[in-house]
Amino acid sequence: MVKLSSRAFPGVLLQGDTLYTMYCRAQHALAGLDPATHEDEYDTLADLVEHLGECLGVYERTLARCGYSLPYYTGA
């Protein structure tokens, strides 16, 4: 739990490697859904993948800017 002075309530800290794992698993789940037969679920999961990807991008850019290496291997 982390309480930022600018926020009314505490938040939950999520480690970067956990965020990366969640993103990869959501991508995998999305790839297994047929949008033609599961349109609503596909759209919901696609939104989640997009949001997790945006969060991961912020995390990775921040690490790079601060001189940290990634705590996971991306294969790139």
Protein backbone atom coordinates (compact mmCIF):
# COMPACT_ATOMS: atom_id res chain seq x y z
CA MET A 1 0.00 0.00 0.00
CA VAL A 2 1.26 3.46 -0.92
CA LYS A 3 -0.34 6.78 0.05
CA LEU A 4 0.61 9.69 -2.18
CA SER A 5 0.10 13.14 -0.70
CA SER A 6 -1.85 14.20 -3.78
CA ARG A 7 -4.40 11.38 -3.42
CA ALA A 8 -7.19 10.89 -0.89
CA PHE A 9 -6.78 7.13 -0.58
CA PRO A 10 -3.83 4.71 -0.62
CA GLY A 11 -3.06 2.72 -3.72
CA VAL A 12 -1.59 -0.72 -4.25
CA LEU A 13 2.02 -1.01 -5.36
CA LEU A 14 2.51 -3.34 -8.33
CA GLN A 15 6.04 -4.51 -9.09
CA GLY A 16 7.17 -3.99 -12.68
CA ASP A 17 7.80 -7.66 -13.37
CA THR A 18 4.28 -8.45 -12.14
CA LEU A 19 2.85 -5.76 -14.43
CA TYR A 20 4.78 -7.26 -17.35
CA THR A 21 3.46 -10.75 -16.54
CA MET A 22 -0.12 -9.48 -16.33
CA TYR A 23 0.30 -7.71 -19.69
CA CYS A 24 1.70 -10.84 -21.36
CA ARG A 25 -1.06 -13.05 -19.97
CA ALA A 26 -3.75 -10.62 -21.10
CA GLN A 27 -2.20 -10.52 -24.58
CA HIS A 28 -2.17 -14.32 -24.67
CA ALA A 29 -5.81 -14.50 -23.59
CA LEU A 30 -6.78 -11.92 -26.22
CA ALA A 31 -5.01 -13.89 -28.94
CA GLY A 32 -7.11 -16.94 -28.00
CA LEU A 33 -10.46 -15.16 -28.32
CA ASP A 34 -12.37 -15.09 -31.58
CA PRO A 35 -13.75 -11.57 -31.95
CA ALA A 36 -16.47 -12.87 -34.26
CA THR A 37 -17.99 -15.12 -31.59
CA HIS A 38 -16.94 -13.23 -28.42
CA GLU A 39 -17.17 -9.60 -29.49
CA ASP A 40 -17.93 -8.06 -26.08
CA GLU A 41 -15.31 -10.12 -24.26
CA TYR A 42 -12.76 -9.42 -26.98
CA ASP A 43 -13.36 -5.67 -26.82
CA THR A 44 -13.14 -5.65 -23.02
CA LEU A 45 -9.92 -7.64 -23.02
CA ALA A 46 -8.47 -5.52 -25.83
CA ASP A 47 -9.11 -2.43 -23.71
CA LEU A 48 -7.35 -4.09 -20.77
CA VAL A 49 -4.36 -5.06 -22.92
CA GLU A 50 -4.13 -1.49 -24.23
CA HIS A 51 -4.28 0.00 -20.72
CA LEU A 52 -1.71 -2.43 -19.32
CA GLY A 53 0.53 -1.72 -22.31
CA GLU A 54 0.31 2.01 -21.68
CA CYS A 55 1.18 1.51 -18.00
CA LEU A 56 4.07 -0.74 -18.97
CA GLY A 57 5.33 1.87 -21.43
CA VAL A 58 5.36 4.55 -18.74
CA TYR A 59 7.15 2.16 -16.38
CA GLU A 60 9.82 1.24 -18.98
CA ARG A 61 10.44 4.85 -20.04
CA THR A 62 10.75 5.91 -16.40
CA LEU A 63 13.25 3.13 -15.67
CA ALA A 64 15.30 4.10 -18.72
CA ARG A 65 15.26 7.78 -17.79
CA CYS A 66 16.43 6.93 -14.25
CA GLY A 67 19.16 4.55 -15.45
CA TYR A 68 17.56 1.26 -14.32
CA SER A 69 17.46 -1.91 -16.36
CA LEU A 70 14.23 -3.84 -16.85
CA PRO A 71 13.48 -6.50 -14.22
CA TYR A 72 12.31 -8.85 -16.99
CA TYR A 73 13.41 -10.05 -20.44
CA THR A 74 11.27 -8.84 -23.34
CA GLY A 75 13.01 -10.83 -26.04
CA ALA A 76 13.92 -7.63 -27.89
